[in-house]
C-alpha atoms as a PDB file:
ATOM      1  CA  MET A   1      -0.259 -14.780  78.333  1.00  0.00           C
ATOM      2  CA  TYR A   2      -2.902 -12.500  76.525  1.00  0.00           C
ATOM      3  CA  GLN A   3      -0.231 -10.886  74.404  1.00  0.00           C
ATOM      4  CA  LEU A   4       1.367 -14.226  73.382  1.00  0.00           C
ATOM      5  CA  THR A   5      -2.114 -15.546  72.356  1.00  0.00           C
ATOM      6  CA  LEU A   6      -2.591 -12.468  70.035  1.00  0.00           C
ATOM      7  CA  ASN A   7       0.841 -13.016  68.458  1.00  0.00           C
ATOM      8  CA  ARG A   8       0.074 -16.621  68.002  1.00  0.00           C
ATOM      9  CA  LYS A   9      -3.147 -15.718  66.274  1.00  0.00           C
ATOM     10  CA  ALA A  10      -1.481 -13.002  64.062  1.00  0.00           C
ATOM     11  CA  VAL A  11       1.337 -15.448  62.961  1.00  0.00           C
ATOM     12  CA  PHE A  12      -1.446 -17.906  62.117  1.00  0.00           C
ATOM     13  CA  MET A  13      -3.301 -15.475  60.122  1.00  0.00           C
ATOM     14  CA  LEU A  14      -0.280 -14.101  58.237  1.00  0.00           C
ATOM     15  CA  GLY A  15       0.552 -17.754  57.473  1.00  0.00           C
ATOM     16  CA  MET A  16      -2.967 -18.460  56.122  1.00  0.00           C
ATOM     17  CA  LEU A  17      -2.847 -15.195  54.121  1.00  0.00           C
ATOM     18  CA  ASP A  18       0.593 -16.313  52.522  1.00  0.00           C
ATOM     19  CA  PHE A  19      -0.824 -19.773  51.786  1.00  0.00           C
ATOM     20  CA  VAL A  20      -3.894 -18.346  50.163  1.00  0.00           C
ATOM     21  CA  SER A  21      -1.740 -16.178  47.946  1.00  0.00           C
ATOM     22  CA  VAL A  22       0.559 -18.959  47.006  1.00  0.00           C
ATOM     23  CA  TYR A  23      -2.473 -21.148  46.133  1.00  0.00           C
ATOM     24  CA  ALA A  24      -4.106 -18.533  44.139  1.00  0.00           C
ATOM     25  CA  SER A  25      -0.884 -17.816  42.256  1.00  0.00           C
ATOM     26  CA  TRP A  26      -0.704 -21.508  41.390  1.00  0.00           C
ATOM     27  CA  ILE A  27      -4.170 -21.767  40.505  1.00  0.00           C
ATOM     28  CA  ASP A  28      -3.617 -18.592  38.033  1.00  0.00           C
ATOM     29  CA  ARG A  29      -0.703 -20.337  36.353  1.00  0.00           C
ATOM     30  CA  LEU A  30      -2.285 -23.617  36.132  1.00  0.00           C
ATOM     31  CA  GLU A  31      -5.433 -21.858  34.424  1.00  0.00           C
ATOM     32  CA  ARG A  32      -3.224 -19.959  32.020  1.00  0.00           C
ATOM     33  CA  LYS A  33      -1.431 -23.097  30.946  1.00  0.00           C
ATOM     34  CA  ILE A  34      -4.634 -24.987  30.503  1.00  0.00           C
ATOM     35  CA  TYR A  35      -7.011 -22.396  29.155  1.00  0.00           C
ATOM     36  CA  GLY A  36      -4.657 -19.532  27.972  1.00  0.00           C
ATOM     37  CA  VAL A  37      -2.571 -18.562  24.818  1.00  0.00           C
ATOM     38  CA  LYS A  38       0.400 -20.418  24.471  1.00  0.00           C
ATOM     39  CA  PRO A  39       3.495 -18.930  25.768  1.00  0.00           C
ATOM     40  CA  GLY A  40       5.448 -16.221  23.679  1.00  0.00           C
ATOM     41  CA  VAL A  41       2.474 -15.606  21.288  1.00  0.00           C
ATOM     42  CA  TYR A  42       2.101 -12.017  19.786  1.00  0.00           C
ATOM     43  CA  ILE A  43      -0.784 -10.522  17.804  1.00  0.00           C
ATOM     44  CA  GLU A  44       0.667  -7.684  15.749  1.00  0.00           C
ATOM     45  CA  GLU A  45       3.125  -6.124  18.411  1.00  0.00           C
ATOM     46  CA  GLN A  46       1.050  -7.099  21.310  1.00  0.00           C
ATOM     47  CA  LYS A  47       2.311  -9.972  23.520  1.00  0.00           C
ATOM     48  CA  VAL A  48      -0.645 -12.127  24.474  1.00  0.00           C
ATOM     49  CA  GLY A  49       1.053 -15.290  25.705  1.00  0.00           C
ATOM     50  CA  GLY A  50      -0.621 -16.790  28.736  1.00  0.00           C
ATOM     51  CA  PHE A  51      -3.678 -14.574  28.236  1.00  0.00           C
ATOM     52  CA  LEU A  52      -6.993 -15.909  29.077  1.00  0.00           C
ATOM     53  CA  PRO A  53      -9.972 -15.674  26.855  1.00  0.00           C
ATOM     54  CA  GLU A  54     -11.393 -12.467  28.602  1.00  0.00           C
ATOM     55  CA  GLU A  55      -8.037 -10.795  28.418  1.00  0.00           C
ATOM     56  CA  LEU A  56      -7.410 -11.339  24.851  1.00  0.00           C
ATOM     57  CA  GLU A  57     -10.986 -10.008  24.176  1.00  0.00           C
ATOM     58  CA  VAL A  58      -9.904  -6.659  25.588  1.00  0.00           C
ATOM     59  CA  VAL A  59      -6.935  -6.645  23.170  1.00  0.00           C
ATOM     60  CA  LEU A  60      -9.124  -7.542  20.252  1.00  0.00           C
ATOM     61  CA  ASP A  61     -11.685  -4.814  21.231  1.00  0.00           C
ATOM     62  CA  GLU A  62      -8.750  -2.423  20.803  1.00  0.00           C
ATOM     63  CA  LEU A  63      -7.803  -3.629  17.565  1.00  0.00           C
ATOM     64  CA  VAL A  64     -11.427  -3.509  16.240  1.00  0.00           C
ATOM     65  CA  ILE A  65     -11.249   0.239  16.790  1.00  0.00           C
ATOM     66  CA  ARG A  66      -7.781   0.594  15.280  1.00  0.00           C
ATOM     67  CA  TYR A  67      -8.542  -1.205  12.054  1.00  0.00           C
ATOM     68  CA  ARG A  68     -12.043  -0.145  11.283  1.00  0.00           C
ATOM     69  CA  GLU A  69     -12.506   1.675   7.942  1.00  0.00           C
ATOM     70  CA  MET A  70     -16.060   2.542   7.110  1.00  0.00           C
ATOM     71  CA  PRO A  71     -17.259   1.826   3.596  1.00  0.00           C
ATOM     72  CA  ARG A  72     -17.898   4.650   1.171  1.00  0.00           C
ATOM     73  CA  ASN A  73     -20.912   4.795  -1.329  1.00  0.00           C
ATOM     74  CA  PRO A  74     -20.389   6.028  -4.732  1.00  0.00           C
ATOM     75  CA  TYR A  75     -20.432   9.740  -5.229  1.00  0.00           C
ATOM     76  CA  LEU A  76     -20.059  12.315  -8.002  1.00  0.00           C
ATOM     77  CA  ASP A  77     -17.270  14.698  -8.692  1.00  0.00           C
ATOM     78  CA  ARG A  78     -18.787  18.062  -7.650  1.00  0.00           C
ATOM     79  CA  GLU A  79     -17.619  19.805 -10.903  1.00  0.00           C
ATOM     80  CA  THR A  80     -17.411  17.184 -13.531  1.00  0.00           C
ATOM     81  CA  GLY A  81     -20.251  14.828 -12.609  1.00  0.00           C
ATOM     82  CA  GLU A  82     -17.925  11.779 -12.949  1.00  0.00           C
ATOM     83  CA  ILE A  83     -18.994   8.799 -10.878  1.00  0.00           C
ATOM     84  CA  ILE A  84     -16.334   7.846  -8.285  1.00  0.00           C
ATOM     85  CA  PRO A  85     -16.790   4.225  -7.411  1.00  0.00           C
ATOM     86  CA  ALA A  86     -17.872   2.922  -4.105  1.00  0.00           C
ATOM     87  CA  LYS A  87     -15.067   1.643  -1.657  1.00  0.00           C
ATOM     88  CA  TYR A  88     -15.295  -1.271   0.648  1.00  0.00           C
ATOM     89  CA  GLY A  89     -14.653  -0.791   4.416  1.00  0.00           C
ATOM     90  CA  VAL A  90     -12.445  -3.023   6.540  1.00  0.00           C
ATOM     91  CA  GLU A  91     -13.262  -4.596  10.029  1.00  0.00           C
ATOM     92  CA  VAL A  92     -11.629  -7.188  12.386  1.00  0.00           C
ATOM     93  CA  ASP A  93     -12.868 -10.697  11.811  1.00  0.00           C
ATOM     94  CA  VAL A  94     -13.052 -11.048  15.703  1.00  0.00           C
ATOM     95  CA  PRO A  95     -13.979 -14.895  15.785  1.00  0.00           C
ATOM     96  CA  ALA A  96     -11.356 -15.959  13.182  1.00  0.00           C
ATOM     97  CA  THR A  97      -8.739 -13.752  14.781  1.00  0.00           C
ATOM     98  CA  TYR A  98      -9.538 -15.164  18.242  1.00  0.00           C
ATOM     99  CA  ARG A  99      -9.344 -18.622  16.921  1.00  0.00           C
ATOM    100  CA  ALA A 100      -5.972 -17.910  15.126  1.00  0.00           C
ATOM    101  CA  VAL A 101      -4.438 -16.699  18.329  1.00  0.00           C
ATOM    102  CA  PHE A 102      -5.593 -19.635  20.611  1.00  0.00           C
ATOM    103  CA  ASN A 103      -4.536 -22.073  17.842  1.00  0.00           C
ATOM    104  CA  ALA A 104      -0.992 -20.399  17.453  1.00  0.00           C
ATOM    105  CA  PRO A 105       1.971 -22.522  18.516  1.00  0.00           C
ATOM    106  CA  PRO A 106       4.451 -21.140  21.113  1.00  0.00           C
ATOM    107  CA  HIS A 107       6.106 -17.814  20.090  1.00  0.00           C
ATOM    108  CA  ALA A 108       4.062 -17.489  17.039  1.00  0.00           C
ATOM    109  CA  ARG A 109       3.280 -14.007  15.511  1.00  0.00           C
ATOM    110  CA  VAL A 110      -0.399 -13.825  14.509  1.00  0.00           C
ATOM    111  CA  ARG A 111      -1.585 -11.125  12.097  1.00  0.00           C
ATOM    112  CA  VAL A 112      -5.120  -9.668  12.614  1.00  0.00           C
ATOM    113  CA  ILE A 113      -7.790 -11.354   9.984  1.00  0.00           C
ATOM    114  CA  THR A 114      -9.882  -8.725   8.522  1.00  0.00           C
ATOM    115  CA  LYS A 115     -12.925  -8.876   6.093  1.00  0.00           C
ATOM    116  CA  GLY A 116     -14.536  -6.413   3.860  1.00  0.00           C
ATOM    117  CA  ILE A 117     -17.663  -4.265   4.593  1.00  0.00           C
ATOM    118  CA  PRO A 118     -19.643  -3.591   1.497  1.00  0.00           C
ATOM    119  CA  PRO A 119     -21.072  -0.203   0.724  1.00  0.00           C
ATOM    120  CA  LEU A 120     -24.759   0.282   0.802  1.00  0.00           C
ATOM    121  CA  HIS A 121     -24.950   1.531  -2.676  1.00  0.00           C
ATOM    122  CA  THR A 122     -23.248   0.780  -5.930  1.00  0.00           C
ATOM    123  CA  ALA A 123     -22.018   2.889  -9.056  1.00  0.00           C
ATOM    124  CA  LYS A 124     -24.372   0.782 -11.161  1.00  0.00           C
ATOM    125  CA  GLU A 125     -27.365   2.536  -9.393  1.00  0.00           C
ATOM    126  CA  LEU A 126     -26.113   5.875 -10.633  1.00  0.00           C
ATOM    127  CA  GLU A 127     -25.391   4.785 -14.036  1.00  0.00           C
ATOM    128  CA  GLU A 128     -28.970   3.813 -14.346  1.00  0.00           C
ATOM    129  CA  LEU A 129     -30.390   7.311 -13.804  1.00  0.00           C
ATOM    130  CA  ASN A 130     -31.003   8.815 -17.081  1.00  0.00           C
ATOM    131  CA  ARG A 131     -34.283  10.650 -16.809  1.00  0.00           C
ATOM    132  CA  GLN A 132     -35.041  14.142 -15.735  1.00  0.00           C
ATOM    133  CA  ILE A 133     -37.995  14.054 -13.216  1.00  0.00           C
ATOM    134  CA  GLY A 134     -37.874  17.638 -12.007  1.00  0.00           C
ATOM    135  CA  TYR A 135     -36.887  21.019 -13.343  1.00  0.00           C
ATOM    136  CA  PHE A 136     -37.217  24.738 -12.434  1.00  0.00           C
ATOM    137  CA  HIS A 137     -35.376  27.909 -13.197  1.00  0.00           C
ATOM    138  CA  THR A 138     -35.397  31.616 -11.938  1.00  0.00           C
ATOM    139  CA  TRP A 139     -33.723  34.693 -13.301  1.00  0.00           C
ATOM    140  CA  PHE A 140     -30.814  36.310 -11.615  1.00  0.00           C
ATOM    141  CA  TYR A 141     -30.843  39.892 -10.477  1.00  0.00           C
ATOM    142  CA  GLY A 142     -28.572  42.152  -8.397  1.00  0.00           C
ATOM    143  CA  SER A 143     -25.009  42.594  -7.653  1.00  0.00           C
ATOM    144  CA  TRP A 144     -22.046  40.728  -8.426  1.00  0.00           C
ATOM    145  CA  GLN A 145     -21.566  39.901  -4.775  1.00  0.00           C
ATOM    146  CA  ARG A 146     -25.157  38.375  -4.768  1.00  0.00           C
ATOM    147  CA  HIS A 147     -24.073  36.414  -8.061  1.00  0.00           C
ATOM    148  CA  GLU A 148     -21.034  35.096  -6.229  1.00  0.00           C
ATOM    149  CA  ASN A 149     -23.141  33.868  -3.380  1.00  0.00           C
ATOM    150  CA  ILE A 150     -25.629  32.269  -5.633  1.00  0.00           C
ATOM    151  CA  SER A 151     -22.862  30.414  -7.457  1.00  0.00           C
ATOM    152  CA  LEU A 152     -21.125  29.157  -4.488  1.00  0.00           C
ATOM    153  CA  ALA A 153     -24.473  27.707  -3.256  1.00  0.00           C
ATOM    154  CA  LEU A 154     -25.244  26.239  -6.727  1.00  0.00           C
ATOM    155  CA  LEU A 155     -21.820  24.659  -6.628  1.00  0.00           C
ATOM    156  CA  SER A 156     -22.404  23.047  -3.273  1.00  0.00           C
ATOM    157  CA  ILE A 157     -25.703  21.393  -4.269  1.00  0.00           C
ATOM    158  CA  ASN A 158     -24.563  20.540  -7.817  1.00  0.00           C
ATOM    159  CA  ASN A 159     -24.135  16.760  -8.450  1.00  0.00           C
ATOM    160  CA  GLN A 160     -25.562  15.900  -4.920  1.00  0.00           C
ATOM    161  CA  ILE A 161     -27.058  12.350  -4.488  1.00  0.00           C
ATOM    162  CA  VAL A 162     -30.043  11.608  -2.473  1.00  0.00           C
ATOM    163  CA  TRP A 163     -30.327   8.070  -1.758  1.00  0.00           C
ATOM    164  CA  PRO A 164     -33.743   6.264  -1.248  1.00  0.00           C
ATOM    165  CA  GLY A 165     -35.240   7.322   1.912  1.00  0.00           C
ATOM    166  CA  GLU A 166     -32.613   9.839   2.582  1.00  0.00           C
ATOM    167  CA  THR A 167     -33.444  13.347   3.620  1.00  0.00           C
ATOM    168  CA  PHE A 168     -31.709  16.278   2.043  1.00  0.00           C
ATOM    169  CA  SER A 169     -30.794  19.070   4.013  1.00  0.00           C
ATOM    170  CA  PHE A 170     -29.877  22.562   2.294  1.00  0.00           C
ATOM    171  CA  ASN A 171     -28.252  24.059   5.228  1.00  0.00           C
ATOM    172  CA  GLU A 172     -26.215  20.914   5.884  1.00  0.00           C
ATOM    173  CA  VAL A 173     -24.938  20.651   2.249  1.00  0.00           C
ATOM    174  CA  VAL A 174     -24.362  24.274   1.571  1.00  0.00           C
ATOM    175  CA  GLY A 175     -22.859  25.069   4.961  1.00  0.00           C
ATOM    176  CA  PRO A 176     -22.538  28.334   6.801  1.00  0.00           C
ATOM    177  CA  ARG A 177     -22.522  31.473   4.692  1.00  0.00           C
ATOM    178  CA  THR A 178     -19.393  33.120   6.139  1.00  0.00           C
ATOM    179  CA  PRO A 179     -16.558  35.117   4.621  1.00  0.00           C
ATOM    180  CA  GLU A 180     -14.055  32.458   5.299  1.00  0.00           C
ATOM    181  CA  ARG A 181     -15.802  30.322   2.922  1.00  0.00           C
ATOM    182  CA  GLY A 182     -16.050  32.943   0.275  1.00  0.00           C
ATOM    183  CA  TYR A 183     -19.619  34.419   0.921  1.00  0.00           C
ATOM    184  CA  ARG A 184     -20.060  38.256   0.341  1.00  0.00           C
ATOM    185  CA  LYS A 185     -22.329  40.797   1.779  1.00  0.00           C
ATOM    186  CA  ALA A 186     -25.345  41.365  -0.410  1.00  0.00           C
ATOM    187  CA  PRO A 187     -29.040  42.489   0.248  1.00  0.00           C
ATOM    188  CA  VAL A 188     -31.085  39.949   2.164  1.00  0.00           C
ATOM    189  CA  ILE A 189     -35.085  39.645   1.774  1.00  0.00           C
ATOM    190  CA  GLY A 190     -36.820  40.551   4.999  1.00  0.00           C
ATOM    191  CA  GLY A 191     -33.466  41.652   6.678  1.00  0.00           C
ATOM    192  CA  ASP A 192     -32.019  45.003   7.535  1.00  0.00           C
ATOM    193  CA  GLY A 193     -29.602  45.776   4.592  1.00  0.00           C
ATOM    194  CA  LEU A 194     -26.717  43.532   3.827  1.00  0.00           C
ATOM    195  CA  GLY A 195     -25.957  40.031   5.115  1.00  0.00           C
ATOM    196  CA  PHE A 196     -23.325  37.362   4.182  1.00  0.00           C
ATOM    197  CA  GLY A 197     -24.727  35.056   1.715  1.00  0.00           C
ATOM    198  CA  GLY A 198     -27.507  37.269   0.520  1.00  0.00           C
ATOM    199  CA  GLY A 199     -29.022  35.776  -2.544  1.00  0.00           C
ATOM    200  CA  VAL A 200     -28.698  32.088  -1.339  1.00  0.00           C
ATOM    201  CA  CYS A 201     -32.381  31.917  -0.806  1.00  0.00           C
ATOM    202  CA  GLN A 202     -32.989  32.105  -4.437  1.00  0.00           C
ATOM    203  CA  VAL A 203     -30.972  28.890  -4.877  1.00  0.00           C
ATOM    204  CA  SER A 204     -33.081  27.263  -2.033  1.00  0.00           C
ATOM    205  CA  THR A 205     -36.129  28.430  -3.648  1.00  0.00           C
ATOM    206  CA  THR A 206     -35.232  27.145  -7.123  1.00  0.00           C
ATOM    207  CA  LEU A 207     -34.509  23.908  -5.738  1.00  0.00           C
ATOM    208  CA  TYR A 208     -37.880  23.690  -3.828  1.00  0.00           C
ATOM    209  CA  ASN A 209     -39.863  24.250  -6.956  1.00  0.00           C
ATOM    210  CA  THR A 210     -37.731  21.685  -8.596  1.00  0.00           C
ATOM    211  CA  VAL A 211     -38.425  19.246  -5.729  1.00  0.00           C
ATOM    212  CA  LEU A 212     -42.024  20.049  -6.146  1.00  0.00           C
ATOM    213  CA  ASP A 213     -41.928  19.179  -9.769  1.00  0.00           C
ATOM    214  CA  ALA A 214     -40.302  15.851  -9.204  1.00  0.00           C
ATOM    215  CA  GLY A 215     -43.052  14.963  -6.677  1.00  0.00           C
ATOM    216  CA  LEU A 216     -40.475  14.365  -3.875  1.00  0.00           C
ATOM    217  CA  GLU A 217     -41.643  14.865  -0.400  1.00  0.00           C
ATOM    218  CA  VAL A 218     -40.885  18.317   1.230  1.00  0.00           C
ATOM    219  CA  VAL A 219     -39.893  17.757   4.997  1.00  0.00           C
ATOM    220  CA  GLU A 220     -39.175  21.491   5.936  1.00  0.00           C
ATOM    221  CA  ARG A 221     -39.787  24.625   4.242  1.00  0.00           C
ATOM    222  CA  HIS A 222     -40.244  28.257   5.438  1.00  0.00           C
ATOM    223  CA  PRO A 223     -41.649  31.302   3.417  1.00  0.00           C
ATOM    224  CA  HIS A 224     -39.956  34.703   3.443  1.00  0.00           C
ATOM    225  CA  SER A 225     -41.349  37.343   5.690  1.00  0.00           C
ATOM    226  CA  SER A 226     -42.157  39.456   2.467  1.00  0.00           C
ATOM    227  CA  ARG A 227     -42.769  38.561  -1.222  1.00  0.00           C
ATOM    228  CA  VAL A 228     -39.746  37.782  -3.441  1.00  0.00           C
ATOM    229  CA  PRO A 229     -39.555  38.972  -7.019  1.00  0.00           C
ATOM    230  CA  TYR A 230     -38.233  35.766  -8.593  1.00  0.00           C
ATOM    231  CA  VAL A 231     -41.069  33.464  -8.039  1.00  0.00           C
ATOM    232  CA  ALA A 232     -44.853  33.392  -7.656  1.00  0.00           C
ATOM    233  CA  PRO A 233     -46.249  34.311  -4.027  1.00  0.00           C
ATOM    234  CA  GLY A 234     -45.974  31.216  -1.704  1.00  0.00           C
ATOM    235  CA  MET A 235     -43.551  29.495  -3.931  1.00  0.00           C
ATOM    236  CA  ASP A 236     -40.450  30.506  -2.072  1.00  0.00           C
ATOM    237  CA  ALA A 237     -38.295  28.861   0.515  1.00  0.00           C
ATOM    238  CA  THR A 238     -36.176  30.956   2.694  1.00  0.00           C
ATOM    239  CA  VAL A 239     -33.057  29.447   4.683  1.00  0.00           C
ATOM    240  CA  VAL A 240     -30.947  30.770   7.613  1.00  0.00           C
ATOM    241  CA  PHE A 241     -28.154  28.635   8.705  1.00  0.00           C
ATOM    242  CA  GLY A 242     -28.692  27.174  12.254  1.00  0.00           C
ATOM    243  CA  ALA A 243     -32.498  28.387  12.308  1.00  0.00           C
ATOM    244  CA  GLN A 244     -34.539  27.755   9.075  1.00  0.00           C
ATOM    245  CA  ASP A 245     -33.729  24.984   6.559  1.00  0.00           C
ATOM    246  CA  PHE A 246     -34.926  23.586   3.460  1.00  0.00           C
ATOM    247  CA  ARG A 247     -35.288  19.812   3.584  1.00  0.00           C
ATOM    248  CA  PHE A 248     -36.791  17.051   1.280  1.00  0.00           C
ATOM    249  CA  ARG A 249     -36.879  13.361   1.367  1.00  0.00           C
ATOM    250  CA  ASN A 250     -36.252  11.031  -1.583  1.00  0.00           C
ATOM    251  CA  ASN A 251     -39.318   8.973  -1.190  1.00  0.00           C
ATOM    252  CA  THR A 252     -38.689   6.975  -4.328  1.00  0.00           C
ATOM    253  CA  ASN A 253     -37.117   3.418  -4.610  1.00  0.00           C
ATOM    254  CA  HIS A 254     -34.055   4.829  -6.479  1.00  0.00           C
ATOM    255  CA  PRO A 255     -31.388   7.490  -6.011  1.00  0.00           C
ATOM    256  CA  VAL A 256     -31.863  11.073  -7.524  1.00  0.00           C
ATOM    257  CA  ILE A 257     -29.261  13.450  -8.408  1.00  0.00           C
ATOM    258  CA  ILE A 258     -29.370  17.357  -8.197  1.00  0.00           C
ATOM    259  CA  LYS A 259     -27.667  19.221 -11.204  1.00  0.00           C
ATOM    260  CA  ALA A 260     -27.612  22.990 -10.482  1.00  0.00           C
ATOM    261  CA  GLY A 261     -25.936  25.746 -12.222  1.00  0.00           C
ATOM    262  CA  ILE A 262     -26.147  29.403 -13.585  1.00  0.00           C
ATOM    263  CA  SER A 263     -25.890  30.480 -17.009  1.00  0.00           C
ATOM    264  CA  ARG A 264     -26.380  34.024 -18.805  1.00  0.00           C
ATOM    265  CA  GLY A 265     -28.709  35.010 -15.801  1.00  0.00           C
ATOM    266  CA  LYS A 266     -30.558  31.807 -15.596  1.00  0.00           C
ATOM    267  CA  ILE A 267     -30.415  29.726 -12.410  1.00  0.00           C
ATOM    268  CA  SER A 268     -31.383  26.319 -13.330  1.00  0.00           C
ATOM    269  CA  VAL A 269     -31.750  23.028 -11.045  1.00  0.00           C
ATOM    270  CA  HIS A 270     -32.664  19.783 -12.343  1.00  0.00           C
ATOM    271  CA  ILE A 271     -33.424  16.468 -10.541  1.00  0.00           C
ATOM    272  CA  ILE A 272     -32.391  13.335 -12.415  1.00  0.00           C
ATOM    273  CA  GLY A 273     -34.130  10.008 -11.513  1.00  0.00           C
ATOM    274  CA  LYS A 274     -35.059   6.569 -13.262  1.00  0.00           C
END
């Protein structure tokens, strides 16, 4: 009798579970029919017919990542100084795409609706820069390897734009001074013998003095461990990639442009503003 009672209870529970499962499935189908996307609808190549709002949101989140293109501010060609116009970015218009999917008739194919992301700055801001606000020069000395290192660093900072409120990092812009990037071994100040990128500190020093002349805010600067021959004492700025940087902030209301080069032994850095 006890065994029979257990079996009856088990059968009853199994029946209840089956009923609950059928009921839940029926409720799910009903919800999808009332609240879901119409049958057979696609967005791009993704079938979303019958999707509930929260399920469609997951699909849209993936499309947001796939379609996003960040805007690009205008910049200068490193060698020619030509202004390269700004470029709008792209992002998915989620509310508009969401509505388009839910308003679509059965078996429709919906395209993602996008909108432009404007860049923060325009070419016009650069076109208005026509005044030299800072200048400094130093004289080159040393080997051809040192000359090559200096030329590479000058090319890196030449035609760099520093936007209002932005901080310029010498190490970030110039990058590591490695043989793979064309840097040679040359004497280094305060070091033991030769080092890759020897001479680059003369570029950071020349830039430092130009920044002072322009009245921009110096954020980070380190002196050499011994006096350098190309500037007065206390007016140098050493740089070591990954350790010591030279940084300044554009504390004006308009962008500034760095112009840098070497000609007939003269290392010149100009800062152009408004």
